[in-house]
């Protein structure tokens, strides 16, 4: 099985800390295959819109297709990239950040070999709109990298924050500004932001302007996440709307694998799972008030939430399970192709 993987984002500065890169690396380690970045704006002198992504590599893609079984593209939202209509091998499209309540281009997505989503909310929406080529593939991580280590709650609650912003606007939409405001209002709240080399000065300016140097630490380097998690109580991921953060953020999966409960906003589809199994707290809106309410709920039921996190973290999100699910999707697509006259 020869698979070509595609990413529509720019190459990350620290791929080891970026969730989609981690997932594709796990798949490539198992299935083999090359990775192509379709976004031309890394080198273009002018900004090129998403409608043009990948066309600068079409000739090269055609050459690769002579020895190719499948294309597998990852994109945060359900965007109909015109390039995909020009590919000659079946296309599997992973929508990594969930499906909004606005109907996508159904004619385009029904023409694809398969659509993979990570959450039941997106699966239900797409099938309700009439798409029958949708598959649920829950994400997975290498859980063996993590060990459960309890940290008693004492005078402060220490919270790790993943999913750093790529743009200035995402300081608001990913809840960074709201978290900093919450820290100002609650001196017991300590925040540890895992950064990725983008907008670091913007972040440090905010921390200094709000006089939060004693409560906020920005970790802008590759770290041993397991070691970092040993010194925190919980992990938070926030978004004001689906589509800007993964349906199941890796920072939260890492946290559960280390036995640490999570705080997540309702817009992120993983919140459904968190509430169902009881491994953390879901909040309605991305505001300092709701964040502090969620933090209080974490503190109040911390031992119970931590116990559930320890039970499910190593069980529900294994890398092997994710690979097996994608293998089933790949084989289903290829079997359908063989049956065509």
Protein backbone atom coordinates (compact mmCIF):
# COMPACT_ATOMS: atom_id res chain seq x y z
CA UNK A 1 0.00 0.00 0.00
CA UNK A 2 1.58 3.26 -1.18
CA UNK A 3 0.00 6.38 0.32
CA UNK A 4 0.82 10.04 -0.28
CA UNK A 5 0.02 12.31 2.67
CA UNK A 6 -0.87 15.98 2.22
CA UNK A 7 -0.94 18.86 4.69
CA UNK A 8 -2.52 22.23 3.88
CA UNK A 9 -0.83 24.15 6.70
CA UNK A 10 2.61 25.72 6.43
CA UNK A 11 5.48 23.53 7.66
CA UNK A 12 5.59 23.99 11.45
CA UNK A 13 8.72 25.31 13.13
CA UNK A 14 8.51 22.50 15.69
CA UNK A 15 6.78 19.52 14.00
CA UNK A 16 7.44 17.36 17.07
CA UNK A 17 5.02 19.58 18.98
CA UNK A 18 2.33 19.91 16.31
CA UNK A 19 -0.55 17.43 16.43
CA UNK A 20 -1.20 16.81 12.73
CA UNK A 21 2.50 16.30 12.06
CA UNK A 22 2.64 13.78 14.92
CA UNK A 23 -0.34 11.87 13.57
CA UNK A 24 0.97 11.71 10.01
CA UNK A 25 4.39 10.64 11.28
CA UNK A 26 2.77 7.72 13.11
CA UNK A 27 0.90 6.69 9.94
CA UNK A 28 4.00 7.02 7.75
CA UNK A 29 6.06 4.97 10.20
CA UNK A 30 3.52 2.17 9.80
CA UNK A 31 2.39 2.45 6.16
CA UNK A 32 5.32 4.31 4.62
CA UNK A 33 4.67 7.07 2.11
CA UNK A 34 5.76 10.65 1.47
CA UNK A 35 4.44 13.91 2.95
CA UNK A 36 3.65 16.90 0.72
CA UNK A 37 2.85 20.43 1.91
CA UNK A 38 0.23 21.95 -0.39
CA UNK A 39 0.36 25.50 0.96
CA UNK A 40 2.47 27.59 -1.47
CA UNK A 41 2.73 30.62 0.80
CA UNK A 42 5.99 29.49 2.37
CA UNK A 43 7.76 30.79 -0.77
CA UNK A 44 5.20 32.88 -2.66
CA UNK A 45 5.94 36.65 -2.83
CA UNK A 46 2.16 37.31 -2.64
CA UNK A 47 -0.48 35.52 -0.58
CA UNK A 48 -2.22 32.79 -2.55
CA UNK A 49 -5.76 31.74 -1.50
CA UNK A 50 -6.72 28.18 -0.61
CA UNK A 51 -8.40 27.71 -3.99
CA UNK A 52 -4.89 27.61 -5.51
CA UNK A 53 -3.22 25.34 -2.94
CA UNK A 54 -1.25 22.49 -4.47
CA UNK A 55 -1.36 23.53 -8.11
CA UNK A 56 2.30 24.54 -7.95
CA UNK A 57 3.06 20.85 -7.31
CA UNK A 58 0.54 19.25 -9.67
CA UNK A 59 3.16 18.05 -12.16
CA UNK A 60 5.14 16.41 -9.36
CA UNK A 61 1.98 14.85 -7.92
CA UNK A 62 1.15 13.36 -11.31
CA UNK A 63 4.61 11.79 -11.44
CA UNK A 64 4.13 10.24 -8.01
CA UNK A 65 0.74 8.83 -8.97
CA UNK A 66 2.32 6.33 -11.31
CA UNK A 67 3.29 4.31 -8.23
CA UNK A 68 0.56 5.37 -5.82
CA UNK A 69 -2.54 3.74 -4.32
CA UNK A 70 -4.10 6.54 -2.29
CA UNK A 71 -3.95 10.23 -1.39
CA UNK A 72 -4.64 11.18 2.22
CA UNK A 73 -5.13 14.90 2.86
CA UNK A 74 -5.43 16.58 6.26
CA UNK A 75 -7.22 19.90 6.65
CA UNK A 76 -8.82 21.55 9.68
CA UNK A 77 -12.19 22.24 8.05
CA UNK A 78 -14.31 20.93 5.19
CA UNK A 79 -12.86 23.09 2.41
CA UNK A 80 -13.27 21.91 -1.24
CA UNK A 81 -9.74 22.24 -2.61
CA UNK A 82 -10.01 22.32 -6.45
CA UNK A 83 -6.67 20.49 -6.72
CA UNK A 84 -8.27 17.28 -5.50
CA UNK A 85 -10.41 17.06 -8.64
CA UNK A 86 -7.21 16.80 -10.70
CA UNK A 87 -5.79 13.84 -8.80
CA UNK A 88 -6.11 10.44 -10.44
CA UNK A 89 -5.90 8.22 -7.38
CA UNK A 90 -8.58 7.92 -4.65
CA UNK A 91 -8.58 10.72 -2.07
CA UNK A 92 -9.20 10.29 1.67
CA UNK A 93 -9.91 13.62 3.36
CA UNK A 94 -9.37 13.98 7.12
CA UNK A 95 -11.28 16.90 8.64
CA UNK A 96 -9.17 17.35 11.73
CA UNK A 97 -10.97 20.16 13.59
CA UNK A 98 -14.61 19.21 13.37
CA UNK A 99 -17.52 20.14 11.13
CA UNK A 100 -19.40 23.37 11.72
CA UNK A 101 -23.20 23.56 11.53
CA UNK A 102 -22.94 25.12 8.07
CA UNK A 103 -23.35 22.57 5.29
CA UNK A 104 -20.20 22.08 3.16
CA UNK A 105 -20.04 21.49 -0.60
CA UNK A 106 -21.81 18.13 -0.64
CA UNK A 107 -21.23 17.44 -4.33
CA UNK A 108 -17.49 17.84 -3.83
CA UNK A 109 -17.24 15.73 -0.69
CA UNK A 110 -19.49 12.97 -2.03
CA UNK A 111 -17.04 12.57 -4.92
CA UNK A 112 -14.16 11.70 -2.59
CA UNK A 113 -13.27 8.12 -1.79
CA UNK A 114 -13.64 8.69 1.97
CA UNK A 115 -13.97 11.39 4.60
CA UNK A 116 -12.45 10.74 8.02
CA UNK A 117 -13.59 12.61 11.12
CA UNK A 118 -12.40 12.26 14.70
CA UNK A 119 -15.65 12.96 16.54
CA UNK A 120 -19.22 11.68 16.61
CA UNK A 121 -20.64 15.22 16.31
CA UNK A 122 -19.06 15.67 12.87
CA UNK A 123 -19.97 12.13 11.79
CA UNK A 124 -23.63 12.69 12.64
CA UNK A 125 -23.78 16.02 10.83
CA UNK A 126 -22.18 14.81 7.62
CA UNK A 127 -24.33 11.67 7.46
CA UNK A 128 -27.47 13.69 8.18
CA UNK A 129 -26.59 15.83 5.14
CA UNK A 130 -26.53 12.70 3.00
CA UNK A 131 -22.83 11.77 2.83
CA UNK A 132 -22.36 8.00 3.10
CA UNK A 133 -18.57 7.96 2.64
CA UNK A 134 -17.79 9.23 6.16
CA UNK A 135 -15.79 7.21 8.69
CA UNK A 136 -15.08 7.80 12.37
CA UNK A 137 -11.39 7.53 13.24
CA UNK A 138 -10.67 8.49 16.82
CA UNK A 139 -7.15 9.97 17.13
CA UNK A 140 -4.38 8.21 18.97
CA UNK A 141 -1.05 8.98 20.58
CA UNK A 142 1.89 6.97 21.79
CA UNK A 143 0.54 6.45 25.30
CA UNK A 144 3.65 4.53 26.38
CA UNK A 145 5.47 7.89 26.61
CA UNK A 146 3.34 8.87 29.60
CA UNK A 147 3.20 7.79 33.21
CA UNK A 148 0.52 8.64 35.75
CA UNK A 149 1.85 10.72 38.61
CA UNK A 150 -0.43 12.43 41.09
CA UNK A 151 0.17 15.99 42.27
CA UNK A 152 -1.80 17.02 45.39
CA UNK A 153 -3.81 20.22 45.24
CA UNK A 154 -2.45 22.68 47.78
CA UNK A 155 -2.17 26.45 47.60
CA UNK A 156 -2.40 26.71 43.81
CA UNK A 157 -3.75 24.90 40.77
CA UNK A 158 -1.25 24.41 37.96
CA UNK A 159 -2.75 24.19 34.47
CA UNK A 160 -1.02 23.41 31.17
CA UNK A 161 -2.26 25.13 28.00
CA UNK A 162 -1.66 23.59 24.58
CA UNK A 163 -2.83 24.56 21.07
CA UNK A 164 -0.88 27.80 20.84
CA UNK A 165 -2.16 30.39 18.33
CA UNK A 166 -0.91 30.68 14.76
CA UNK A 167 -2.34 34.19 14.26
CA UNK A 168 -2.92 37.26 16.42
CA UNK A 169 -6.69 36.76 16.12
CA UNK A 170 -6.34 33.35 17.72
CA UNK A 171 -5.27 34.92 21.02
CA UNK A 172 -9.00 35.56 21.38
CA UNK A 173 -10.52 32.59 19.53
CA UNK A 174 -8.27 30.05 21.29
CA UNK A 175 -8.92 31.61 24.68
CA UNK A 176 -5.41 32.85 25.41
CA UNK A 177 -6.59 36.33 26.37
CA UNK A 178 -9.42 34.90 28.49
CA UNK A 179 -7.00 32.62 30.33
CA UNK A 180 -4.67 35.52 31.11
CA UNK A 181 -7.62 37.54 32.40
CA UNK A 182 -8.67 34.56 34.56
CA UNK A 183 -5.16 34.42 36.02
CA UNK A 184 -5.41 38.11 36.90
CA UNK A 185 -8.66 37.44 38.75
CA UNK A 186 -7.41 34.33 40.58
CA UNK A 187 -3.91 34.51 42.04
CA UNK A 188 -4.05 30.76 42.82
CA UNK A 189 -4.11 29.93 39.10
CA UNK A 190 -0.74 29.10 37.52
CA UNK A 191 -0.64 28.72 33.73
CA UNK A 192 2.01 26.89 31.69
CA UNK A 193 1.69 27.61 27.96
CA UNK A 194 3.32 25.19 25.52
CA UNK A 195 4.37 27.49 22.66
CA UNK A 196 5.73 26.62 19.21
CA UNK A 197 7.97 29.44 18.07
CA UNK A 198 5.21 31.62 16.59
CA UNK A 199 4.06 34.97 18.05
CA UNK A 200 6.27 34.51 21.10
CA UNK A 201 6.93 38.25 21.50
CA UNK A 202 3.19 38.96 21.26
CA UNK A 203 2.58 36.54 24.10
CA UNK A 204 5.38 37.83 26.31
CA UNK A 205 4.16 41.40 25.82
CA UNK A 206 0.71 40.39 27.04
CA UNK A 207 2.10 38.61 30.09
CA UNK A 208 4.25 41.59 31.04
CA UNK A 209 1.52 44.18 30.40
CA UNK A 210 -0.84 42.24 32.69
CA UNK A 211 1.93 41.78 35.31
CA UNK A 212 1.53 37.99 35.30
CA UNK A 213 5.20 36.98 35.26
CA UNK A 214 4.80 35.14 38.59
CA UNK A 215 1.72 33.17 37.44
CA UNK A 216 2.41 32.48 33.78
CA UNK A 217 5.23 30.53 32.16
CA UNK A 218 5.63 30.36 28.37
CA UNK A 219 7.56 27.24 27.36
CA UNK A 220 8.81 28.02 23.86
CA UNK A 221 10.98 24.98 23.22
CA UNK A 222 10.69 21.26 22.74
CA UNK A 223 10.12 19.64 26.12
CA UNK A 224 9.47 16.25 27.63
CA UNK A 225 5.69 16.60 27.89
CA UNK A 226 5.43 13.68 30.31
CA UNK A 227 7.83 15.43 32.66
CA UNK A 228 5.93 18.70 32.30
CA UNK A 229 2.61 16.98 33.05
CA UNK A 230 4.04 15.51 36.24
CA UNK A 231 4.14 19.04 37.64
CA UNK A 232 0.65 20.19 36.65
CA UNK A 233 -2.87 19.34 37.83
CA UNK A 234 -4.87 19.65 34.61
CA UNK A 235 -4.73 20.73 30.96
CA UNK A 236 -6.97 23.20 29.15
CA UNK A 237 -7.86 23.67 25.47
CA UNK A 238 -10.32 26.34 24.34
CA UNK A 239 -11.94 27.51 21.12
CA UNK A 240 -14.80 29.87 20.38
CA UNK A 241 -15.87 27.87 17.33
CA UNK A 242 -15.11 24.50 15.69
CA UNK A 243 -12.53 24.46 12.93
CA UNK A 244 -9.65 26.27 14.62
CA UNK A 245 -8.48 23.48 16.91
CA UNK A 246 -8.43 19.70 16.54
CA UNK A 247 -11.59 17.86 17.51
CA UNK A 248 -9.46 15.93 19.99
CA UNK A 249 -6.49 18.20 20.83
CA UNK A 250 -3.30 16.22 21.41
CA UNK A 251 -2.51 18.27 24.50
CA UNK A 252 -5.67 16.89 26.12
CA UNK A 253 -4.92 13.33 25.00
CA UNK A 254 -1.42 13.64 26.47
CA UNK A 255 -2.92 14.94 29.70
CA UNK A 256 -5.34 12.04 30.03
CA UNK A 257 -2.58 9.56 29.22
CA UNK A 258 -0.70 11.01 32.20
CA UNK A 259 -3.79 10.75 34.38
CA UNK A 260 -4.50 14.48 34.51
CA UNK A 261 -8.09 15.75 33.97
CA UNK A 262 -8.93 18.36 31.33
CA UNK A 263 -10.88 21.59 30.90
CA UNK A 264 -12.38 22.11 27.44
CA UNK A 265 -14.85 24.50 25.82
CA UNK A 266 -18.13 23.27 24.38
CA UNK A 267 -17.22 24.28 20.80
CA UNK A 268 -14.52 21.58 20.75
CA UNK A 269 -16.17 18.22 19.95
CA UNK A 270 -14.05 16.40 22.54
CA UNK A 271 -16.18 18.11 25.18
CA UNK A 272 -18.90 15.53 24.45
CA UNK A 273 -16.50 12.73 25.39
CA UNK A 274 -15.20 14.58 28.45
CA UNK A 275 -18.70 14.98 29.85
CA UNK A 276 -19.76 11.45 28.94
CA UNK A 277 -16.88 9.69 30.72
CA UNK A 278 -16.30 12.31 33.43
CA UNK A 279 -12.58 12.94 32.91
CA UNK A 280 -12.78 16.70 33.17
CA UNK A 281 -14.98 19.78 32.88
CA UNK A 282 -16.64 21.39 29.84
CA UNK A 283 -17.44 25.12 29.82
CA UNK A 284 -20.00 26.94 27.69
CA UNK A 285 -18.16 30.10 26.65
CA UNK A 286 -14.54 31.18 26.37
CA UNK A 287 -14.60 33.90 29.01
CA UNK A 288 -12.60 34.46 32.17
CA UNK A 289 -15.78 33.96 34.21
CA UNK A 290 -16.56 30.55 32.70
CA UNK A 291 -12.92 29.50 32.92
CA UNK A 292 -12.81 30.27 36.63
CA UNK A 293 -16.11 28.45 37.13
CA UNK A 294 -14.59 25.44 35.37
CA UNK A 295 -11.42 25.68 37.47
CA UNK A 296 -13.54 25.70 40.64
CA UNK A 297 -15.37 22.58 39.42
CA UNK A 298 -12.03 20.88 38.77
CA UNK A 299 -10.81 21.71 42.26
CA UNK A 300 -14.03 20.58 43.91
CA UNK A 301 -14.08 17.12 42.26
CA UNK A 302 -10.38 16.79 41.55
CA UNK A 303 -9.75 13.34 43.03
CA UNK A 304 -12.73 11.84 41.21
CA UNK A 305 -11.85 13.48 37.87
CA UNK A 306 -8.23 12.45 38.21
CA UNK A 307 -9.25 8.84 38.87
CA UNK A 308 -11.36 8.72 35.70
CA UNK A 309 -8.55 10.34 33.67
CA UNK A 310 -6.19 7.60 34.84
CA UNK A 311 -8.73 4.95 33.80
CA UNK A 312 -9.44 6.22 30.27
CA UNK A 313 -6.26 8.02 29.19
CA UNK A 314 -4.23 4.93 28.38
CA UNK A 315 -7.26 2.99 27.13
CA UNK A 316 -9.23 5.12 24.67
CA UNK A 317 -6.61 6.93 22.56
CA UNK A 318 -3.90 4.47 21.59
CA UNK A 319 -1.83 5.05 18.48
CA UNK A 320 -2.37 1.41 17.52
CA UNK A 321 -6.15 1.92 17.56
CA UNK A 322 -5.90 4.97 15.29
CA UNK A 323 -3.65 3.14 12.83
CA UNK A 324 -5.98 0.13 12.75
CA UNK A 325 -8.96 2.40 12.02
CA UNK A 326 -7.19 4.12 9.14
CA UNK A 327 -6.04 0.77 7.78
CA UNK A 328 -9.68 -0.29 7.66
CA UNK A 329 -10.59 2.90 5.78
CA UNK A 330 -7.72 2.43 3.31
CA UNK A 331 -8.63 -1.21 2.66
CA UNK A 332 -12.32 -0.38 2.24
CA UNK A 333 -11.49 2.26 -0.37
CA UNK A 334 -9.16 -0.05 -2.28
CA UNK A 335 -11.67 -2.90 -2.21
CA UNK A 336 -14.34 -0.64 -3.68
CA UNK A 337 -11.90 0.43 -6.37
CA UNK A 338 -11.16 -3.18 -7.31
CA UNK A 339 -14.87 -3.95 -7.65
CA UNK A 340 -15.41 -1.16 -10.17
CA UNK A 341 -15.84 -2.47 -13.74
